[in-house]
Protein backbone atom coordinates (compact mmCIF):
# COMPACT_ATOMS: atom_id res chain seq x y z
CA MET A 1 0.00 0.00 0.00
CA LYS A 2 1.31 3.45 -0.88
CA ILE A 3 1.85 5.66 2.18
CA SER A 4 1.98 9.42 1.84
CA PRO A 5 4.72 11.52 3.48
CA ALA A 6 2.13 13.24 5.71
CA ILE A 7 1.07 9.92 7.23
CA LEU A 8 4.68 8.97 8.00
CA THR A 9 5.22 12.34 9.66
CA LEU A 10 2.27 12.02 12.03
CA TRP A 11 2.60 8.29 12.67
CA THR A 12 5.80 8.98 14.60
CA THR A 13 4.04 11.57 16.77
CA LEU A 14 1.06 9.29 17.36
CA ALA A 15 3.28 6.37 18.31
CA ILE A 16 4.94 8.52 21.02
CA THR A 17 1.84 10.26 22.39
CA ALA A 18 -0.92 7.66 21.97
CA CYS A 19 -1.78 4.97 24.48
CA VAL A 20 0.27 1.86 23.60
CA ASN A 21 -1.89 -0.65 25.45
CA THR A 22 -3.86 -1.32 22.25
CA PRO A 23 -1.71 -0.72 19.17
CA LEU A 24 -3.42 1.13 16.31
CA THR A 25 -3.96 -0.62 13.03
CA PRO A 26 -2.57 1.19 9.98
CA GLN A 27 -6.11 2.19 8.96
CA GLN A 28 -6.87 3.58 12.44
CA ALA A 29 -3.60 5.46 12.48
CA GLU A 30 -4.36 6.95 9.06
CA HIS A 31 -7.76 8.13 10.23
CA ARG A 32 -6.20 9.57 13.40
CA THR A 33 -3.80 11.47 11.16
CA THR A 34 -6.67 13.06 9.24
CA GLU A 35 -8.55 13.93 12.42
CA GLU A 36 -5.41 15.52 13.88
CA PHE A 37 -5.03 17.70 10.79
CA LEU A 38 -8.70 18.73 11.01
CA LYS A 39 -8.46 19.51 14.71
CA ARG A 40 -5.41 21.71 14.18
CA ALA A 41 -7.01 23.40 11.14
CA GLU A 42 -10.06 24.40 13.20
CA GLU A 43 -7.96 26.23 15.80
CA LYS A 44 -8.76 29.88 15.10
CA ALA A 45 -5.63 31.08 16.89
CA THR A 46 -3.54 29.49 14.12
CA PRO A 47 -2.72 31.87 11.21
CA ALA A 48 -5.18 31.47 8.34
CA ASP A 49 -2.51 30.52 5.79
CA GLN A 50 -1.36 27.61 7.98
CA ARG A 51 -4.96 26.53 8.60
CA VAL A 52 -5.48 26.33 4.83
CA ALA A 53 -2.48 24.00 4.50
CA LEU A 54 -3.77 21.84 7.37
CA TYR A 55 -7.22 21.55 5.76
CA LEU A 56 -5.55 20.56 2.50
CA SER A 57 -3.48 17.94 4.33
CA ALA A 58 -6.63 16.51 5.92
CA ALA A 59 -8.43 16.39 2.57
CA GLU A 60 -5.43 14.81 0.86
CA GLU A 61 -5.11 12.05 3.48
CA ALA A 62 -8.83 11.27 3.56
CA GLY A 63 -9.19 11.32 -0.23
CA PHE A 64 -5.99 9.32 -0.67
CA ARG A 65 -7.50 6.28 1.05
CA GLY A 66 -10.56 5.89 -1.16
CA THR A 67 -14.30 5.76 -0.46
CA ASP A 68 -14.52 4.61 3.18
CA THR A 69 -17.48 6.38 4.84
CA SER A 70 -15.48 7.97 7.65
CA ASP A 71 -12.75 9.06 5.24
CA ARG A 72 -15.30 10.59 2.89
CA ALA A 73 -16.91 12.48 5.78
CA SER A 74 -13.51 13.89 6.78
CA TYR A 75 -12.71 14.88 3.20
CA ASN A 76 -16.10 16.58 2.82
CA LYS A 77 -15.73 18.44 6.10
CA ALA A 78 -12.26 19.66 5.15
CA ALA A 79 -13.43 20.88 1.72
CA ALA A 80 -16.43 22.73 3.15
CA GLU A 81 -14.65 24.40 6.06
CA LEU A 82 -11.67 25.29 3.87
CA SER A 83 -13.95 27.10 1.40
CA VAL A 84 -15.54 29.14 4.20
CA LEU A 85 -12.09 30.02 5.59
CA LEU A 86 -10.71 31.06 2.20
CA ARG A 87 -13.69 33.26 1.32
CA SER A 88 -14.02 34.94 4.72
CA THR A 89 -10.40 35.71 5.59
CA ASP A 90 -9.41 39.38 5.36
CA ASN A 91 -12.21 40.36 2.96
CA GLY A 92 -11.29 37.61 0.51
CA ARG A 93 -7.51 38.02 0.57
CA LEU A 94 -7.05 34.28 0.00
CA TRP A 95 -9.88 33.89 -2.49
CA ASN A 96 -9.82 33.08 -6.20
CA HIS A 97 -6.18 33.48 -7.16
CA PRO A 98 -3.36 30.87 -7.17
CA GLN A 99 -1.38 30.78 -3.94
CA THR A 100 1.03 28.53 -2.10
CA PHE A 101 0.15 27.47 1.43
CA THR A 102 2.62 25.88 3.83
CA SER A 103 2.40 24.32 7.28
CA GLY A 104 5.43 22.54 8.63
CA THR A 105 6.79 20.28 5.89
CA HIS A 106 3.55 20.41 3.83
CA SER A 107 3.29 22.87 0.97
CA TYR A 108 0.44 23.09 -1.56
CA ARG A 109 -0.24 25.19 -4.64
CA LEU A 110 -3.98 25.97 -4.65
CA HIS A 111 -5.90 26.88 -7.81
CA PHE A 112 -9.57 27.84 -8.30
CA ALA A 113 -11.61 26.37 -11.14
CA LYS A 114 -13.35 28.90 -13.37
CA GLY A 115 -17.07 28.93 -13.96
CA THR A 116 -18.25 26.83 -16.89
CA ARG A 117 -21.44 26.24 -18.86
CA ASP A 118 -22.05 22.78 -17.45
CA GLY A 119 -22.50 23.38 -13.72
CA VAL A 120 -19.40 24.97 -12.17
CA TRP A 121 -19.95 28.21 -10.28
CA ASN A 122 -17.67 31.19 -10.78
CA PRO A 123 -15.99 31.56 -7.34
CA ASP A 124 -16.41 35.35 -7.37
CA TYR A 125 -20.19 35.15 -7.69
CA PHE A 126 -20.59 34.26 -4.03
CA THR A 127 -19.89 36.90 -1.40
CA SER A 128 -19.92 34.38 1.46
CA PHE A 129 -20.33 30.71 2.30
CA THR A 130 -21.83 28.83 5.21
CA THR A 131 -21.38 25.11 5.66
CA ALA A 132 -24.67 23.28 5.18
CA GLU A 133 -24.05 21.61 8.54
CA ALA A 134 -23.94 25.01 10.29
CA VAL A 135 -27.31 26.18 8.94
CA LYS A 136 -30.03 25.84 11.54
CA GLU A 137 -32.73 23.43 10.43
CA ASN A 138 -36.26 24.81 10.15
CA LYS A 139 -38.57 22.38 11.91
CA GLU A 140 -41.39 23.47 9.60
CA ILE A 141 -39.58 21.93 6.61
CA LYS A 142 -40.81 18.37 6.71
CA ARG A 143 -38.06 16.55 4.84
CA ILE A 144 -34.32 17.14 4.49
CA ASN A 145 -33.33 16.86 0.85
CA ARG A 146 -29.75 15.56 0.75
CA GLU A 147 -27.62 13.36 -1.50
CA ASP A 148 -24.64 11.34 -0.26
CA GLY A 149 -21.39 11.56 -2.18
CA ILE A 150 -18.08 13.37 -2.38
CA GLY A 151 -17.54 17.07 -1.67
CA GLY A 152 -18.19 19.66 1.01
CA THR A 153 -21.78 20.94 1.09
CA LEU A 154 -22.16 24.70 1.33
CA VAL A 155 -24.77 27.40 1.13
CA GLY A 156 -23.42 29.97 -1.28
CA VAL A 157 -24.71 33.49 -0.61
CA HIS A 158 -24.72 36.34 -3.11
CA LYS A 159 -25.41 39.60 -1.30
CA THR A 160 -24.43 43.03 -2.58
CA ASP A 161 -24.71 46.53 -1.12
CA PRO A 162 -27.03 47.92 -2.30
CA LEU A 163 -29.00 44.75 -2.91
CA GLU A 164 -29.44 43.66 -6.49
CA GLN A 165 -32.92 43.77 -7.96
CA PHE A 166 -35.08 40.79 -6.86
CA SER A 167 -32.66 39.84 -4.07
CA PRO A 168 -34.03 38.95 -0.61
CA LYS A 169 -32.56 40.98 2.25
CA VAL A 170 -30.23 38.15 3.30
CA GLY A 171 -29.07 37.64 -0.27
CA VAL A 172 -29.67 34.97 -2.88
CA THR A 173 -28.68 31.44 -1.83
CA ALA A 174 -27.64 28.36 -3.77
CA PRO A 175 -26.50 24.80 -3.06
CA VAL A 176 -22.75 24.48 -3.62
CA THR A 177 -20.51 21.42 -3.45
CA ALA A 178 -16.79 22.10 -2.94
CA VAL A 179 -14.36 19.52 -4.35
CA LEU A 180 -10.57 19.43 -3.92
CA ASP A 181 -8.71 17.56 -6.64
CA PHE A 182 -5.04 16.74 -5.96
CA LYS A 183 -2.33 16.23 -8.56
CA GLY A 184 0.71 15.87 -6.39
CA ARG A 185 0.82 19.08 -4.37
CA ASP A 186 -1.13 21.04 -6.99
CA VAL A 187 -4.73 21.32 -5.79
CA THR A 188 -7.79 22.64 -7.62
CA LEU A 189 -10.87 23.82 -5.71
CA THR A 190 -14.02 23.48 -7.81
CA LEU A 191 -17.44 24.78 -6.77
CA TYR A 192 -20.15 22.65 -8.35
CA ASP A 193 -23.86 23.26 -8.68
CA PRO A 194 -25.14 19.78 -7.77
CA GLY A 195 -28.54 20.55 -9.27
CA LYS A 196 -26.98 20.90 -12.72
CA LYS A 197 -24.05 18.53 -12.26
CA PRO A 198 -24.77 15.61 -9.93
CA LYS A 199 -21.46 13.87 -10.76
CA ALA A 200 -17.89 15.05 -11.28
CA ARG A 201 -14.43 13.59 -11.90
CA VAL A 202 -12.36 13.53 -8.71
CA GLY A 203 -8.91 11.96 -8.76
CA GLY A 204 -9.51 10.67 -12.27
CA THR A 205 -12.74 8.84 -11.31
CA GLU A 206 -16.31 10.00 -11.86
CA ARG A 207 -17.97 10.30 -8.45
CA LYS A 208 -21.44 11.23 -7.25
CA LEU A 209 -21.42 14.61 -5.52
CA GLU A 210 -22.59 15.22 -1.98
CA ALA A 211 -25.45 17.75 -2.01
CA ASP A 212 -27.79 19.54 0.38
CA PHE A 213 -30.73 21.21 -1.36
CA THR A 214 -32.64 22.07 1.83
CA ALA A 215 -29.92 24.09 3.58
CA PRO A 216 -30.28 27.09 1.18
CA LEU A 217 -33.98 27.27 2.13
CA ASN A 218 -33.16 26.94 5.83
CA TYR A 219 -30.74 29.85 5.49
CA TYR A 220 -33.62 32.30 5.14
CA PRO A 221 -34.94 33.75 8.46
CA HIS A 222 -37.25 31.51 10.46
CA GLN A 223 -40.27 33.68 11.26
CA SER A 224 -43.88 33.03 12.17
CA GLU A 225 -45.81 32.41 8.99
CA PHE A 226 -49.19 32.95 10.67
CA TRP A 227 -48.26 36.12 12.57
CA ASN A 228 -46.56 37.85 9.65
CA GLY A 229 -49.39 36.79 7.34
CA LEU A 230 -52.01 38.14 9.74
CA MET A 231 -50.17 41.44 10.23
CA GLY A 232 -49.70 41.75 6.45
CA ALA A 233 -53.47 41.51 6.08
CA ILE A 234 -54.39 43.87 8.92
CA HIS A 235 -51.54 46.40 9.17
CA VAL A 236 -50.84 46.73 5.48
CA LYS A 237 -48.71 49.87 5.77
CA SER A 238 -45.98 48.08 7.72
CA TYR A 239 -45.60 45.50 4.95
CA MET A 240 -45.94 47.58 1.79
CA GLY A 241 -42.15 47.67 1.42
CA THR A 242 -42.01 43.89 1.12
CA THR A 243 -44.05 43.85 -2.10
CA GLY A 244 -42.04 42.41 -4.95
CA LEU A 245 -40.54 39.48 -6.78
CA TYR A 246 -37.73 37.62 -5.05
CA MET A 247 -35.26 35.10 -6.41
CA LEU A 248 -34.69 32.02 -4.28
CA GLN A 249 -31.78 30.97 -6.51
CA PRO A 250 -29.30 32.79 -8.77
CA TYR A 251 -30.83 33.77 -12.09
CA ASP A 252 -30.29 31.20 -14.83
CA PRO A 253 -31.70 31.86 -18.33
CA ASP A 254 -31.78 28.14 -19.09
CA ARG A 255 -33.93 27.35 -16.09
CA ILE A 256 -37.64 28.10 -16.31
CA PRO A 257 -38.82 30.55 -13.62
CA VAL A 258 -41.52 29.08 -11.38
CA ILE A 259 -43.12 31.98 -9.52
CA PHE A 260 -45.11 31.10 -6.40
CA VAL A 261 -47.86 33.50 -5.28
CA HIS A 262 -49.29 33.13 -1.76
CA GLY A 263 -52.82 33.80 -0.61
CA LEU A 264 -54.68 35.78 2.07
CA ILE A 265 -53.20 35.92 5.61
CA SER A 266 -50.03 34.30 4.38
CA THR A 267 -46.51 35.12 3.19
CA ALA A 268 -44.08 33.75 0.63
CA ARG A 269 -42.67 31.45 3.34
CA MET A 270 -45.73 29.24 2.94
CA TRP A 271 -44.04 27.71 -0.12
CA ARG A 272 -40.91 26.40 1.64
CA ASN A 273 -42.05 22.75 1.71
CA VAL A 274 -43.42 22.89 -1.83
CA VAL A 275 -40.11 24.31 -3.11
CA ASN A 276 -38.18 21.71 -1.11
CA GLU A 277 -40.26 18.86 -2.56
CA MET A 278 -39.87 20.26 -6.07
CA GLU A 279 -36.09 20.42 -5.55
CA SER A 280 -36.09 16.74 -4.56
CA ASP A 281 -36.82 15.81 -8.19
CA PRO A 282 -33.47 15.78 -10.07
CA GLN A 283 -35.08 16.58 -13.42
CA LEU A 284 -37.04 19.54 -12.06
CA ARG A 285 -34.29 21.16 -9.99
CA GLY A 286 -31.95 21.12 -12.97
CA ARG A 287 -34.49 22.84 -15.25
CA TYR A 288 -36.52 25.16 -13.05
CA GLN A 289 -35.61 28.03 -10.74
CA CYS A 290 -37.87 29.16 -7.93
CA TRP A 291 -39.11 32.71 -7.36
CA VAL A 292 -41.80 34.13 -5.07
CA PHE A 293 -44.08 37.15 -5.29
CA ALA A 294 -44.65 38.69 -1.85
CA TYR A 295 -47.29 41.28 -0.98
CA PRO A 296 -49.38 42.40 2.02
CA THR A 297 -52.67 40.62 1.60
CA GLY A 298 -54.97 43.31 3.00
CA ASN A 299 -54.77 45.24 -0.27
CA PRO A 300 -57.46 44.79 -2.95
CA PRO A 301 -56.59 41.84 -5.23
CA ALA A 302 -56.77 44.10 -8.30
CA TYR A 303 -54.12 46.38 -6.78
CA SER A 304 -51.87 43.43 -5.86
CA ALA A 305 -52.26 42.10 -9.42
CA LEU A 306 -51.17 45.52 -10.73
CA ARG A 307 -48.04 45.35 -8.58
CA PHE A 308 -47.40 41.80 -9.80
CA ARG A 309 -47.66 42.91 -13.43
CA GLU A 310 -45.18 45.70 -12.70
CA GLU A 311 -42.72 43.23 -11.14
CA LEU A 312 -43.02 40.82 -14.07
CA ASP A 313 -42.37 43.70 -16.44
CA LYS A 314 -39.20 44.57 -14.49
CA LEU A 315 -38.13 40.92 -14.68
CA HIS A 316 -38.56 40.80 -18.43
CA LYS A 317 -36.70 44.08 -18.95
CA LEU A 318 -33.77 42.96 -16.80
CA HIS A 319 -33.73 39.42 -18.24
CA PRO A 320 -35.26 39.50 -21.73
CA ASP A 321 -33.85 36.01 -22.36
CA ALA A 322 -35.92 34.47 -19.54
CA LYS A 323 -37.96 31.45 -20.51
CA PRO A 324 -41.78 31.73 -20.20
CA TYR A 325 -42.75 31.77 -16.54
CA VAL A 326 -44.83 29.18 -14.72
CA LEU A 327 -47.08 30.75 -12.08
CA VAL A 328 -48.28 28.72 -9.10
CA GLY A 329 -50.93 30.58 -7.12
CA HIS A 330 -52.76 29.56 -3.98
CA SER A 331 -56.16 31.02 -3.08
CA MET A 332 -56.03 34.82 -3.60
CA GLY A 333 -52.57 34.28 -5.13
CA GLY A 334 -54.27 32.21 -7.81
CA LEU A 335 -56.78 35.00 -8.41
CA ILE A 336 -53.91 37.49 -8.79
CA SER A 337 -52.21 35.11 -11.24
CA HIS A 338 -55.51 34.84 -13.15
CA MET A 339 -55.60 38.63 -13.47
CA VAL A 340 -52.08 38.95 -14.87
CA ALA A 341 -52.85 36.39 -17.57
CA THR A 342 -56.10 38.02 -18.75
CA THR A 343 -56.80 41.09 -20.87
CA VAL A 344 -59.52 43.43 -19.59
CA ASN A 345 -60.55 46.39 -21.74
CA ARG A 346 -63.41 48.87 -21.58
CA GLN A 347 -65.74 46.59 -23.49
CA SER A 348 -65.06 43.79 -20.98
CA TRP A 349 -66.75 45.84 -18.26
CA ASN A 350 -70.06 45.67 -20.11
CA ALA A 351 -70.44 42.27 -18.42
CA ILE A 352 -71.76 44.11 -15.35
CA GLY A 353 -74.23 46.07 -17.51
CA LYS A 354 -73.49 48.87 -19.94
CA ASP A 355 -74.95 51.55 -17.69
CA LYS A 356 -72.92 50.44 -14.66
CA ALA A 357 -69.80 50.08 -16.77
CA GLN A 358 -70.25 53.58 -18.17
CA ARG A 359 -70.83 55.02 -14.71
CA PHE A 360 -67.71 53.34 -13.37
CA LEU A 361 -65.35 54.05 -16.26
CA SER A 362 -66.46 57.65 -16.67
CA GLY A 363 -65.70 58.24 -12.99
CA VAL A 364 -62.09 57.03 -13.20
CA LYS A 365 -59.31 59.41 -14.15
CA LYS A 366 -57.20 58.55 -17.19
CA GLY A 367 -53.89 56.94 -16.30
CA SER A 368 -54.79 56.68 -12.61
CA ILE A 369 -53.97 53.72 -10.41
CA VAL A 370 -57.61 52.61 -10.45
CA GLU A 371 -57.64 52.60 -14.25
CA GLN A 372 -54.38 50.60 -14.32
CA ALA A 373 -55.82 48.09 -11.84
CA THR A 374 -59.06 47.59 -13.77
CA LEU A 375 -57.96 47.87 -17.42
CA PHE A 376 -54.92 45.80 -18.35
CA HIS A 377 -53.30 43.40 -20.81
CA ALA A 378 -52.26 39.80 -20.20
CA ASP A 379 -48.54 39.32 -19.70
CA PRO A 380 -47.36 37.51 -22.86
CA HIS A 381 -44.40 35.92 -21.07
CA ILE A 382 -46.49 33.59 -18.90
CA GLY A 383 -46.12 30.04 -20.17
CA ARG A 384 -48.39 28.16 -17.77
CA ILE A 385 -50.40 28.61 -14.55
CA VAL A 386 -51.26 26.22 -11.74
CA PHE A 387 -54.26 27.32 -9.64
CA ILE A 388 -54.50 25.80 -6.15
CA CYS A 389 -57.80 26.29 -4.27
CA THR A 390 -58.43 29.52 -6.18
CA PRO A 391 -61.70 31.50 -5.84
CA HIS A 392 -62.17 32.49 -9.48
CA ARG A 393 -65.70 33.64 -8.62
CA GLY A 394 -65.13 34.68 -5.02
CA SER A 395 -65.79 33.11 -1.64
CA LYS A 396 -69.01 33.33 0.38
CA MET A 397 -66.89 33.62 3.53
CA ALA A 398 -66.21 37.24 2.52
CA LEU A 399 -69.94 37.98 2.94
CA GLY A 400 -72.07 38.30 6.05
CA ARG A 401 -70.94 39.12 9.57
CA LEU A 402 -67.58 37.38 9.31
CA GLY A 403 -66.68 39.29 6.16
CA GLU A 404 -67.94 42.54 7.64
CA PHE A 405 -65.83 42.03 10.76
CA ALA A 406 -62.74 41.16 8.71
CA GLN A 407 -63.14 44.27 6.58
CA LYS A 408 -63.22 46.45 9.69
CA LEU A 409 -59.93 44.96 10.90
CA ILE A 410 -58.02 45.87 7.72
CA SER A 411 -56.23 49.20 7.79
CA LEU A 412 -54.96 50.30 4.38
CA PRO A 413 -52.07 52.76 4.15
CA LEU A 414 -53.10 56.41 3.94
CA GLU A 415 -50.97 56.80 0.81
CA LEU A 416 -52.92 54.04 -0.97
CA THR A 417 -56.36 55.23 0.16
CA SER A 418 -55.50 58.77 -0.94
CA THR A 419 -54.27 57.48 -4.30
CA ILE A 420 -57.45 55.48 -4.83
CA THR A 421 -59.63 58.44 -3.84
CA ASN A 422 -57.69 60.83 -6.09
CA SER A 423 -58.10 58.40 -8.99
CA LEU A 424 -61.86 58.90 -8.96
CA ILE A 425 -63.79 61.79 -10.43
CA THR A 426 -66.92 60.95 -8.42
CA GLY A 427 -67.80 58.65 -5.54
CA ASN A 428 -70.39 56.98 -7.77
CA ALA A 429 -67.59 55.12 -9.55
CA LEU A 430 -66.50 53.61 -6.22
CA ALA A 431 -70.06 52.59 -5.43
CA VAL A 432 -70.16 50.42 -8.55
CA VAL A 433 -67.22 48.40 -7.23
CA THR A 434 -67.91 48.32 -3.47
CA GLY A 435 -71.64 49.04 -3.27
CA ASP A 436 -70.85 51.99 -1.02
CA ALA A 437 -69.53 55.35 -2.25
CA LYS A 438 -67.79 55.85 1.12
CA ARG A 439 -66.13 52.44 1.42
CA LEU A 440 -62.74 51.76 -0.14
CA PRO A 441 -62.04 48.27 -1.49
CA ASN A 442 -59.73 45.83 0.34
CA SER A 443 -58.85 42.16 0.10
CA VAL A 444 -62.02 40.89 1.79
CA SER A 445 -64.38 42.96 -0.35
CA GLY A 446 -62.28 41.90 -3.34
CA LEU A 447 -62.96 38.23 -2.53
CA ALA A 448 -66.72 38.64 -2.12
CA PRO A 449 -68.70 36.97 -4.94
CA THR A 450 -70.52 40.29 -5.36
CA ASN A 451 -67.32 41.98 -6.54
CA PRO A 452 -68.09 43.05 -10.14
CA MET A 453 -64.56 42.11 -11.23
CA TYR A 454 -65.61 38.44 -11.19
CA LYS A 455 -68.36 39.08 -13.74
CA VAL A 456 -65.79 40.87 -15.89
CA LEU A 457 -63.14 38.14 -15.64
CA ASP A 458 -65.35 35.05 -15.88
CA PRO A 459 -66.14 35.13 -19.63
CA LEU A 460 -62.62 36.25 -20.63
CA PRO A 461 -59.95 33.77 -21.75
CA ILE A 462 -56.94 33.09 -19.55
CA GLU A 463 -54.18 33.59 -22.10
CA ALA A 464 -51.89 30.76 -20.96
CA PRO A 465 -52.38 27.01 -20.48
CA HIS A 466 -53.65 26.45 -16.96
CA HIS A 467 -54.42 23.66 -14.50
CA SER A 468 -56.57 23.44 -11.38
CA ILE A 469 -55.82 21.68 -8.09
CA ILE A 470 -58.96 21.82 -5.95
CA GLY A 471 -59.42 20.83 -2.32
CA ASP A 472 -62.22 18.56 -1.08
CA ARG A 473 -62.42 18.09 2.69
CA GLY A 474 -63.11 14.40 2.30
CA LYS A 475 -66.82 14.21 1.53
CA GLY A 476 -66.12 13.30 -2.08
CA ASP A 477 -69.25 15.11 -3.25
CA THR A 478 -67.80 17.14 -6.13
CA PRO A 479 -69.31 19.21 -7.82
CA ASN A 480 -71.03 20.10 -4.54
CA SER A 481 -67.73 20.04 -2.66
CA SER A 482 -65.77 22.75 -0.87
CA ASP A 483 -62.30 23.08 0.61
CA GLY A 484 -63.83 24.85 3.59
CA VAL A 485 -63.22 28.32 2.15
CA VAL A 486 -63.74 28.07 -1.60
CA GLU A 487 -66.55 26.02 -3.11
CA TYR A 488 -66.11 23.95 -6.25
CA TRP A 489 -68.37 26.21 -8.33
CA SER A 490 -65.85 29.00 -7.72
CA SER A 491 -62.61 27.06 -8.18
CA HIS A 492 -63.65 25.06 -11.26
CA LEU A 493 -62.56 26.27 -14.71
CA LYS A 494 -63.90 24.67 -17.88
CA SER A 495 -60.86 25.95 -19.73
CA ALA A 496 -58.36 24.15 -17.48
CA LYS A 497 -56.09 21.61 -19.19
CA SER A 498 -56.50 19.37 -16.15
CA GLU A 499 -58.32 19.35 -12.86
CA CYS A 500 -57.16 17.38 -9.82
CA ILE A 501 -59.33 17.03 -6.71
CA VAL A 502 -57.19 16.49 -3.62
CA PRO A 503 -58.55 15.22 -0.28
CA GLY A 504 -57.77 18.23 1.86
CA PRO A 505 -58.81 21.65 3.13
CA HIS A 506 -58.12 25.09 1.72
CA GLY A 507 -54.48 24.93 2.78
CA SER A 508 -53.76 21.85 0.65
CA CYS A 509 -50.52 23.06 -0.94
CA GLU A 510 -48.33 20.58 0.92
CA LEU A 511 -50.55 17.50 0.54
CA PRO A 512 -48.70 14.58 -1.09
CA GLU A 513 -51.39 14.49 -3.77
CA THR A 514 -50.84 18.19 -4.51
CA ILE A 515 -47.07 17.74 -4.77
CA VAL A 516 -47.47 14.77 -7.13
CA GLU A 517 -49.84 16.75 -9.37
CA LEU A 518 -47.59 19.82 -9.37
CA ARG A 519 -44.60 17.69 -10.38
CA ARG A 520 -46.66 16.10 -13.15
CA ILE A 521 -47.61 19.50 -14.53
CA LEU A 522 -44.01 20.75 -14.38
CA HIS A 523 -42.79 17.65 -16.23
CA LEU A 524 -45.54 18.20 -18.80
CA ASN A 525 -44.41 21.79 -19.19
CA LEU A 526 -40.84 20.63 -19.83
CA LYS A 527 -42.07 18.25 -22.50
CA GLU A 528 -44.31 20.77 -24.24
CA SER A 529 -41.87 23.68 -23.99
CA GLY A 530 -38.90 21.72 -25.30
CA GLY A 531 -37.03 21.65 -22.00
CA MET A 532 -33.67 23.38 -21.88
CA ARG A 533 -31.96 25.31 -24.62
CA PRO A 534 -28.56 23.62 -25.05
CA GLY A 535 -25.37 25.60 -24.68
CA ARG A 536 -26.95 28.88 -23.56
CA TYR A 537 -26.27 29.06 -19.86
CA SER A 538 -23.02 30.22 -18.30
CA TYR A 539 -22.23 30.06 -14.62
CA ILE A 540 -19.84 32.94 -15.17
CA HIS A 541 -21.77 35.61 -13.25
CA SER A 542 -20.36 39.09 -13.28
């Protein structure tokens, strides 16, 4: 068996200092050598340059011995922690340029692999790394999505100051697998995207890469979904600044954007398990990228749809090469998605009666926010929509005492109420929409079946292929069924390409049956859209 110089160096030390009652086997001694290197590398009092050399020694020894589970774990740990150390030391002093690192008798020349078109990240794209092991697990994520293999698992974070457009406050995260490939004492650090490249050549042999696809989701702040959703519905002003599109992964023009839109009394965090389950499918995670649209849900749905259209327009202008988007909307989020994929003109409003339409339209100022929210064109870049428990014709729960009470709780921002009021020439126009010239619309009134917008939308075509996933609380009495909030007569669309009834309540997004159907639709979309465009994507982010 070939024995490396590093092993011989530490064997002597171990033989002197270790207990000699039970002699170590060569394999145990080798593993002790690796662990000693790791222990010394983790000592923060040691100069960073020496720690780098120690991590490289640990990785070399563990990788040198083959595919033993404990050796692989040591190699992976060394690769991950080394990457964090290199990127974080002295504002990146050690990062992404060839250097020689020495500790004792060990000296290594470290190189960084450049970004490529087939799944290697450009090292300079990420502003920081966190080991996947160090990321706190979110107990609300039901299943950890990991793959065993070779390489150190990291959460790569891209965060700039000021933040780039569509970036969450904590930055954009991505799964990264760090691999160290040794050729003598020349070492190359490669940062792989395991979603695009599940295997890589290490030491001349193709190996499956270790991967953690859940850690990037867990990196985002763990906050109360219910509380933030409730406050976003009641105290709208405090959450207006959160309105927008957000990337959950670095932009990739060869991956199809899937944009998730949440419903009433909810936030974009409601999709964490759905995104995690989607990422567990190797074919989907390599061809789709996940986005979310966030908004305070106390606002009128027509206003939120206007803001969504504005965000989609920004996305297309910034990334004109983006593939047609797939929208996945739950409840009111589905209604908002419906409204961005439909064209409503002045003639469309005749559905409520020509006299009423005339009274409404004549009372709205040209170019005002009310006109923009009620007269609009379908976004031509939407490729497909999935509606989950969506009230296309409203919900009876928005009527009666419960609806009246909910409407009183909602406090719209003064800026928005003033803008709506200033958009109107007369109060009569408002009365057509709300039934009361003194009452401003909000999310609850917008969900009432009496809202005239439903009569306007219902006969109009949704200008993208669409599918329905509809909840049934278990009675199995469709078409007389309900998910507890939305009845079948409201969620059913004759124009849908498919309709799947799932045995659950209104919040059925995470049901196994819902996940299976969503995956089926996304696979269908890949097939019908032609999948990926070959040779277009580059991981060389600037």
